[in-house]
Amino acid sequence: MIRLEDLVEFVSGSPQFRIKESSDITAPLYNYYGQSDLEADLVGMDSNGSDGKQVRTFDKVNTLYPDDVVFSLISGKSSIVSVNHKGYLYTQNYVKLVVGNKIDSKYLAFLLNEDQSIKKQFQMGLQGSQVLKYTLKQVKELELPDLPTIDKQRMIGDLYFYQLRLEALKKRAANFEIIVLIKKLKEAIHK
C-alpha cells in the first residue's frame, strides 16, 4: 500500500487568527477561499454563492492558483482550483496538495471524494469524535489503492469532472424550468 504522503506535498493554509488586517489601502487585498468556492470548482461553475469575505494585509499568506488540488479539512472534499479563484487566500481549514508526476490531480480529487476504501479510512478516524473535522495527519496517512497508469488516471479524472459539471448543468436547467413554470402559474392566476 502506498500512502498519500509518499505521492504529494502538503501545504497548509494560513492560520486565519494570525493574519494582521491592515487599513492601509496599499496593502494587498485577498479573497478568502471558502466551501462554496470549492463546490463551484468541483462542478466547473461560478461561485455566485461565494461568501465574499476579504482581508487586506501585508502578511505573507498562502494563496491558490489554477489547477492546484485543494482539500477541505471541514467537509473532507477535494477539488481542482479554477481560474476564477486565482490568488485566493486559503485558511488552515484547507490543505493544498502538490502532486508530482506519479498521480494526476483530477484523479486524486476523484479518489479522495469517491473511493470507498478512503471513505472507510476517514470514517474510522472520525469515530468517537464530536467535531467532524479531518486532520492533516489523517490525510497524509491515507492508504491509496493501486494506481492505474497515468493515462488511465487522466481519463478517469477528466470523466469524473465532466460528469460533475454535467450533473450541475442539469440541476441548473431543472431549477430554471421550475422558476419559469411558477412564473407562468402566477400569471395565469392573475389573468
C-alpha atoms as a PDB file:
ATOM      1  CA  MET A   1       0.000   0.000   0.000  1.00  0.00           C
ATOM      2  CA  ILE A   2       1.183   3.480  -0.836  1.00  0.00           C
ATOM      3  CA  ARG A   3       0.392   6.415   1.416  1.00  0.00           C
ATOM      4  CA  LEU A   4      -0.752   9.785   0.143  1.00  0.00           C
ATOM      5  CA  GLU A   5       2.236  11.483   1.808  1.00  0.00           C
ATOM      6  CA  ASP A   6       4.525   9.410  -0.458  1.00  0.00           C
ATOM      7  CA  LEU A   7       2.944  10.960  -3.558  1.00  0.00           C
ATOM      8  CA  VAL A   8       2.123  14.568  -2.708  1.00  0.00           C
ATOM      9  CA  GLU A   9       3.479  17.532  -0.799  1.00  0.00           C
ATOM     10  CA  PHE A  10       1.133  19.223   1.694  1.00  0.00           C
ATOM     11  CA  VAL A  11       0.891  23.000   2.103  1.00  0.00           C
ATOM     12  CA  SER A  12      -1.367  24.033   4.973  1.00  0.00           C
ATOM     13  CA  GLY A  13      -3.458  27.181   4.747  1.00  0.00           C
ATOM     14  CA  SER A  14      -2.697  30.417   6.588  1.00  0.00           C
ATOM     15  CA  PRO A  15      -3.961  30.467  10.195  1.00  0.00           C
ATOM     16  CA  GLN A  16      -6.816  32.992   9.976  1.00  0.00           C
ATOM     17  CA  PHE A  17      -6.415  34.293  13.539  1.00  0.00           C
ATOM     18  CA  ARG A  18      -2.769  35.199  12.882  1.00  0.00           C
ATOM     19  CA  ILE A  19      -3.444  37.367   9.834  1.00  0.00           C
ATOM     20  CA  LYS A  20      -2.963  41.006  10.788  1.00  0.00           C
ATOM     21  CA  GLU A  21      -5.563  43.056   8.960  1.00  0.00           C
ATOM     22  CA  SER A  22      -4.355  46.384   7.585  1.00  0.00           C
ATOM     23  CA  SER A  23      -6.385  49.558   6.980  1.00  0.00           C
ATOM     24  CA  ASP A  24      -3.699  50.757   4.542  1.00  0.00           C
ATOM     25  CA  ILE A  25      -5.275  50.792   1.060  1.00  0.00           C
ATOM     26  CA  THR A  26      -1.908  49.908  -0.473  1.00  0.00           C
ATOM     27  CA  ALA A  27      -1.972  46.561   1.349  1.00  0.00           C
ATOM     28  CA  PRO A  28      -2.813  43.604  -0.926  1.00  0.00           C
ATOM     29  CA  LEU A  29      -6.495  42.641  -0.854  1.00  0.00           C
ATOM     30  CA  TYR A  30      -7.246  38.908  -0.702  1.00  0.00           C
ATOM     31  CA  ASN A  31     -10.472  36.981  -1.130  1.00  0.00           C
ATOM     32  CA  TYR A  32     -10.924  34.057   1.233  1.00  0.00           C
ATOM     33  CA  TYR A  33     -11.395  30.650  -0.423  1.00  0.00           C
ATOM     34  CA  GLY A  34     -14.493  29.048   1.088  1.00  0.00           C
ATOM     35  CA  GLN A  35     -16.626  25.933   0.847  1.00  0.00           C
ATOM     36  CA  SER A  36     -18.887  27.455  -1.833  1.00  0.00           C
ATOM     37  CA  ASP A  37     -15.774  28.199  -3.926  1.00  0.00           C
ATOM     38  CA  LEU A  38     -14.621  24.579  -3.578  1.00  0.00           C
ATOM     39  CA  GLU A  39     -18.076  23.316  -4.581  1.00  0.00           C
ATOM     40  CA  ALA A  40     -18.097  25.664  -7.601  1.00  0.00           C
ATOM     41  CA  ASP A  41     -14.633  24.461  -8.650  1.00  0.00           C
ATOM     42  CA  LEU A  42     -15.811  20.856  -8.362  1.00  0.00           C
ATOM     43  CA  VAL A  43     -18.603  21.394 -10.916  1.00  0.00           C
ATOM     44  CA  GLY A  44     -16.797  23.966 -13.045  1.00  0.00           C
ATOM     45  CA  MET A  45     -19.178  26.843 -12.372  1.00  0.00           C
ATOM     46  CA  ASP A  46     -19.001  30.323 -10.848  1.00  0.00           C
ATOM     47  CA  SER A  47     -19.437  30.504  -7.083  1.00  0.00           C
ATOM     48  CA  ASN A  48     -22.274  33.002  -7.100  1.00  0.00           C
ATOM     49  CA  GLY A  49     -22.981  31.914  -3.530  1.00  0.00           C
ATOM     50  CA  SER A  50     -19.477  32.961  -2.502  1.00  0.00           C
ATOM     51  CA  ASP A  51     -19.086  34.372   0.985  1.00  0.00           C
ATOM     52  CA  GLY A  52     -17.128  37.249  -0.493  1.00  0.00           C
ATOM     53  CA  LYS A  53     -15.017  37.615   2.648  1.00  0.00           C
ATOM     54  CA  GLN A  54     -11.886  39.643   2.055  1.00  0.00           C
ATOM     55  CA  VAL A  55      -8.870  40.865   4.013  1.00  0.00           C
ATOM     56  CA  ARG A  56      -6.184  43.490   3.433  1.00  0.00           C
ATOM     57  CA  THR A  57      -2.807  42.523   4.828  1.00  0.00           C
ATOM     58  CA  PHE A  58       0.912  42.885   4.317  1.00  0.00           C
ATOM     59  CA  ASP A  59       1.411  39.431   5.906  1.00  0.00           C
ATOM     60  CA  LYS A  60       2.760  36.595   3.788  1.00  0.00           C
ATOM     61  CA  VAL A  61      -0.262  34.362   3.215  1.00  0.00           C
ATOM     62  CA  ASN A  62      -0.826  31.133   1.298  1.00  0.00           C
ATOM     63  CA  THR A  63      -2.776  31.545  -1.930  1.00  0.00           C
ATOM     64  CA  LEU A  64      -4.208  29.263  -4.570  1.00  0.00           C
ATOM     65  CA  TYR A  65      -3.545  29.044  -8.289  1.00  0.00           C
ATOM     66  CA  PRO A  66      -5.457  27.377 -11.134  1.00  0.00           C
ATOM     67  CA  ASP A  67      -5.012  23.588 -11.219  1.00  0.00           C
ATOM     68  CA  ASP A  68      -3.988  23.378  -7.539  1.00  0.00           C
ATOM     69  CA  VAL A  69      -5.567  20.431  -5.719  1.00  0.00           C
ATOM     70  CA  VAL A  70      -7.262  21.670  -2.560  1.00  0.00           C
ATOM     71  CA  PHE A  71      -8.699  19.527   0.256  1.00  0.00           C
ATOM     72  CA  SER A  72     -11.195  20.833   2.823  1.00  0.00           C
ATOM     73  CA  LEU A  73     -10.493  19.624   6.365  1.00  0.00           C
ATOM     74  CA  ILE A  74     -14.077  20.634   7.208  1.00  0.00           C
ATOM     75  CA  SER A  75     -16.063  18.794   4.510  1.00  0.00           C
ATOM     76  CA  GLY A  76     -13.499  16.161   3.530  1.00  0.00           C
ATOM     77  CA  LYS A  77     -13.969  17.160  -0.110  1.00  0.00           C
ATOM     78  CA  SER A  78     -11.307  17.849  -2.665  1.00  0.00           C
ATOM     79  CA  SER A  79     -11.311  19.855  -5.895  1.00  0.00           C
ATOM     80  CA  ILE A  80      -9.136  21.484  -8.523  1.00  0.00           C
ATOM     81  CA  VAL A  81      -8.871  25.274  -8.227  1.00  0.00           C
ATOM     82  CA  SER A  82     -10.329  27.143 -11.202  1.00  0.00           C
ATOM     83  CA  VAL A  83      -9.083  30.321 -12.866  1.00  0.00           C
ATOM     84  CA  ASN A  84     -11.907  32.183 -11.041  1.00  0.00           C
ATOM     85  CA  HIS A  85     -10.154  31.605  -7.703  1.00  0.00           C
ATOM     86  CA  LYS A  86      -6.615  32.551  -8.703  1.00  0.00           C
ATOM     87  CA  GLY A  87      -4.813  34.273  -5.848  1.00  0.00           C
ATOM     88  CA  TYR A  88      -7.487  33.443  -3.256  1.00  0.00           C
ATOM     89  CA  LEU A  89      -6.189  33.105   0.289  1.00  0.00           C
ATOM     90  CA  TYR A  90      -6.840  29.727   1.891  1.00  0.00           C
ATOM     91  CA  THR A  91      -7.011  29.261   5.660  1.00  0.00           C
ATOM     92  CA  GLN A  92      -5.999  26.441   7.984  1.00  0.00           C
ATOM     93  CA  ASN A  93      -9.298  24.712   7.086  1.00  0.00           C
ATOM     94  CA  TYR A  94      -7.784  23.788   3.729  1.00  0.00           C
ATOM     95  CA  VAL A  95      -4.688  21.962   2.540  1.00  0.00           C
ATOM     96  CA  LYS A  96      -3.080  22.333  -0.865  1.00  0.00           C
ATOM     97  CA  LEU A  97      -1.869  19.002  -2.262  1.00  0.00           C
ATOM     98  CA  VAL A  98       1.076  19.469  -4.610  1.00  0.00           C
ATOM     99  CA  VAL A  99       1.136  16.475  -6.944  1.00  0.00           C
ATOM    100  CA  GLY A 100       4.203  15.110  -8.648  1.00  0.00           C
ATOM    101  CA  ASN A 101       4.249  13.105 -11.865  1.00  0.00           C
ATOM    102  CA  LYS A 102       3.032   9.828 -10.310  1.00  0.00           C
ATOM    103  CA  ILE A 103      -0.582  10.878  -9.821  1.00  0.00           C
ATOM    104  CA  ASP A 104      -2.940  13.034 -11.895  1.00  0.00           C
ATOM    105  CA  SER A 105      -4.531  15.910  -9.971  1.00  0.00           C
ATOM    106  CA  LYS A 106      -8.100  15.261 -11.170  1.00  0.00           C
ATOM    107  CA  TYR A 107      -7.703  11.556 -10.457  1.00  0.00           C
ATOM    108  CA  LEU A 108      -6.510  12.416  -6.936  1.00  0.00           C
ATOM    109  CA  ALA A 109      -9.620  14.550  -6.375  1.00  0.00           C
ATOM    110  CA  PHE A 110     -11.745  11.659  -7.681  1.00  0.00           C
ATOM    111  CA  LEU A 111     -10.055   9.205  -5.285  1.00  0.00           C
ATOM    112  CA  LEU A 112     -10.401  11.482  -2.251  1.00  0.00           C
ATOM    113  CA  ASN A 113     -14.069  12.195  -2.974  1.00  0.00           C
ATOM    114  CA  GLU A 114     -15.326   8.840  -4.243  1.00  0.00           C
ATOM    115  CA  ASP A 115     -13.092   5.893  -3.285  1.00  0.00           C
ATOM    116  CA  GLN A 116     -14.800   3.586  -0.766  1.00  0.00           C
ATOM    117  CA  SER A 117     -11.582   2.458   0.956  1.00  0.00           C
ATOM    118  CA  ILE A 118     -10.621   6.109   1.544  1.00  0.00           C
ATOM    119  CA  LYS A 119     -14.118   6.905   2.862  1.00  0.00           C
ATOM    120  CA  LYS A 120     -13.757   3.978   5.303  1.00  0.00           C
ATOM    121  CA  GLN A 121     -10.361   5.270   6.489  1.00  0.00           C
ATOM    122  CA  PHE A 122     -11.867   8.703   7.131  1.00  0.00           C
ATOM    123  CA  GLN A 123     -14.857   7.187   8.981  1.00  0.00           C
ATOM    124  CA  MET A 124     -12.550   5.163  11.243  1.00  0.00           C
ATOM    125  CA  GLY A 125     -10.569   8.311  12.023  1.00  0.00           C
ATOM    126  CA  LEU A 126     -13.712  10.234  12.952  1.00  0.00           C
ATOM    127  CA  GLN A 127     -15.226   7.598  15.285  1.00  0.00           C
ATOM    128  CA  GLY A 128     -15.930   8.982  18.742  1.00  0.00           C
ATOM    129  CA  SER A 129     -15.010  12.454  17.604  1.00  0.00           C
ATOM    130  CA  GLN A 130     -17.543  15.194  18.403  1.00  0.00           C
ATOM    131  CA  VAL A 131     -16.267  17.652  15.812  1.00  0.00           C
ATOM    132  CA  LEU A 132     -16.373  16.382  12.267  1.00  0.00           C
ATOM    133  CA  LYS A 133     -13.076  17.867  11.198  1.00  0.00           C
ATOM    134  CA  TYR A 134     -10.376  15.988   9.374  1.00  0.00           C
ATOM    135  CA  THR A 135      -6.750  16.308  10.412  1.00  0.00           C
ATOM    136  CA  LEU A 136      -3.705  16.799   8.239  1.00  0.00           C
ATOM    137  CA  LYS A 137      -2.238  13.642   9.816  1.00  0.00           C
ATOM    138  CA  GLN A 138      -5.294  11.620   8.681  1.00  0.00           C
ATOM    139  CA  VAL A 139      -4.994  12.910   5.126  1.00  0.00           C
ATOM    140  CA  LYS A 140      -1.241  12.262   4.969  1.00  0.00           C
ATOM    141  CA  GLU A 141      -1.656   8.686   6.213  1.00  0.00           C
ATOM    142  CA  LEU A 142      -4.411   7.709   3.769  1.00  0.00           C
ATOM    143  CA  GLU A 143      -3.572   4.419   2.123  1.00  0.00           C
ATOM    144  CA  LEU A 144      -4.297   4.567  -1.582  1.00  0.00           C
ATOM    145  CA  PRO A 145      -5.457   1.695  -3.752  1.00  0.00           C
ATOM    146  CA  ASP A 146      -3.139   0.547  -6.551  1.00  0.00           C
ATOM    147  CA  LEU A 147      -2.840   3.337  -9.080  1.00  0.00           C
ATOM    148  CA  PRO A 148      -3.632   2.747 -12.744  1.00  0.00           C
ATOM    149  CA  THR A 149      -1.303   4.122 -15.424  1.00  0.00           C
ATOM    150  CA  ILE A 150      -1.060   7.930 -15.619  1.00  0.00           C
ATOM    151  CA  ASP A 151      -3.002   7.893 -18.926  1.00  0.00           C
ATOM    152  CA  LYS A 152      -5.831   5.916 -17.348  1.00  0.00           C
ATOM    153  CA  GLN A 153      -5.770   8.275 -14.314  1.00  0.00           C
ATOM    154  CA  ARG A 154      -6.150  11.294 -16.634  1.00  0.00           C
ATOM    155  CA  MET A 155      -9.051   9.649 -18.441  1.00  0.00           C
ATOM    156  CA  ILE A 156     -10.854   8.793 -15.175  1.00  0.00           C
ATOM    157  CA  GLY A 157     -10.188  12.247 -13.702  1.00  0.00           C
ATOM    158  CA  ASP A 158     -11.407  14.052 -16.815  1.00  0.00           C
ATOM    159  CA  LEU A 159     -14.559  11.906 -16.989  1.00  0.00           C
ATOM    160  CA  TYR A 160     -15.232  12.487 -13.274  1.00  0.00           C
ATOM    161  CA  PHE A 161     -15.075  16.288 -13.567  1.00  0.00           C
ATOM    162  CA  TYR A 162     -17.032  16.215 -16.843  1.00  0.00           C
ATOM    163  CA  GLN A 163     -19.790  14.161 -15.173  1.00  0.00           C
ATOM    164  CA  LEU A 164     -19.959  16.501 -12.140  1.00  0.00           C
ATOM    165  CA  ARG A 165     -20.302  19.506 -14.451  1.00  0.00           C
ATOM    166  CA  LEU A 166     -22.987  17.762 -16.498  1.00  0.00           C
ATOM    167  CA  GLU A 167     -24.987  16.971 -13.327  1.00  0.00           C
ATOM    168  CA  ALA A 168     -24.685  20.597 -12.155  1.00  0.00           C
ATOM    169  CA  LEU A 169     -25.873  21.908 -15.533  1.00  0.00           C
ATOM    170  CA  LYS A 170     -28.861  19.516 -15.467  1.00  0.00           C
ATOM    171  CA  LYS A 171     -29.766  20.718 -11.950  1.00  0.00           C
ATOM    172  CA  ARG A 172     -29.459  24.355 -13.009  1.00  0.00           C
ATOM    173  CA  ALA A 173     -31.686  23.706 -16.055  1.00  0.00           C
ATOM    174  CA  ALA A 174     -34.285  21.933 -13.888  1.00  0.00           C
ATOM    175  CA  ASN A 175     -34.269  24.852 -11.422  1.00  0.00           C
ATOM    176  CA  PHE A 176     -34.799  27.328 -14.272  1.00  0.00           C
ATOM    177  CA  GLU A 177     -37.711  25.226 -15.563  1.00  0.00           C
ATOM    178  CA  ILE A 178     -39.341  25.342 -12.115  1.00  0.00           C
ATOM    179  CA  ILE A 179     -38.874  29.137 -11.900  1.00  0.00           C
ATOM    180  CA  VAL A 180     -40.416  29.618 -15.368  1.00  0.00           C
ATOM    181  CA  LEU A 181     -43.316  27.282 -14.544  1.00  0.00           C
ATOM    182  CA  ILE A 182     -44.069  29.079 -11.250  1.00  0.00           C
ATOM    183  CA  LYS A 183     -43.960  32.444 -13.034  1.00  0.00           C
ATOM    184  CA  LYS A 184     -46.422  31.168 -15.668  1.00  0.00           C
ATOM    185  CA  LEU A 185     -48.726  29.767 -12.974  1.00  0.00           C
ATOM    186  CA  LYS A 186     -48.698  33.101 -11.114  1.00  0.00           C
ATOM    187  CA  GLU A 187     -49.503  34.928 -14.366  1.00  0.00           C
ATOM    188  CA  ALA A 188     -52.379  32.506 -15.053  1.00  0.00           C
ATOM    189  CA  ILE A 189     -53.855  33.200 -11.605  1.00  0.00           C
ATOM    190  CA  HIS A 190     -53.827  36.962 -12.157  1.00  0.00           C
ATOM    191  CA  LYS A 191     -55.489  36.866 -15.619  1.00  0.00           C
END
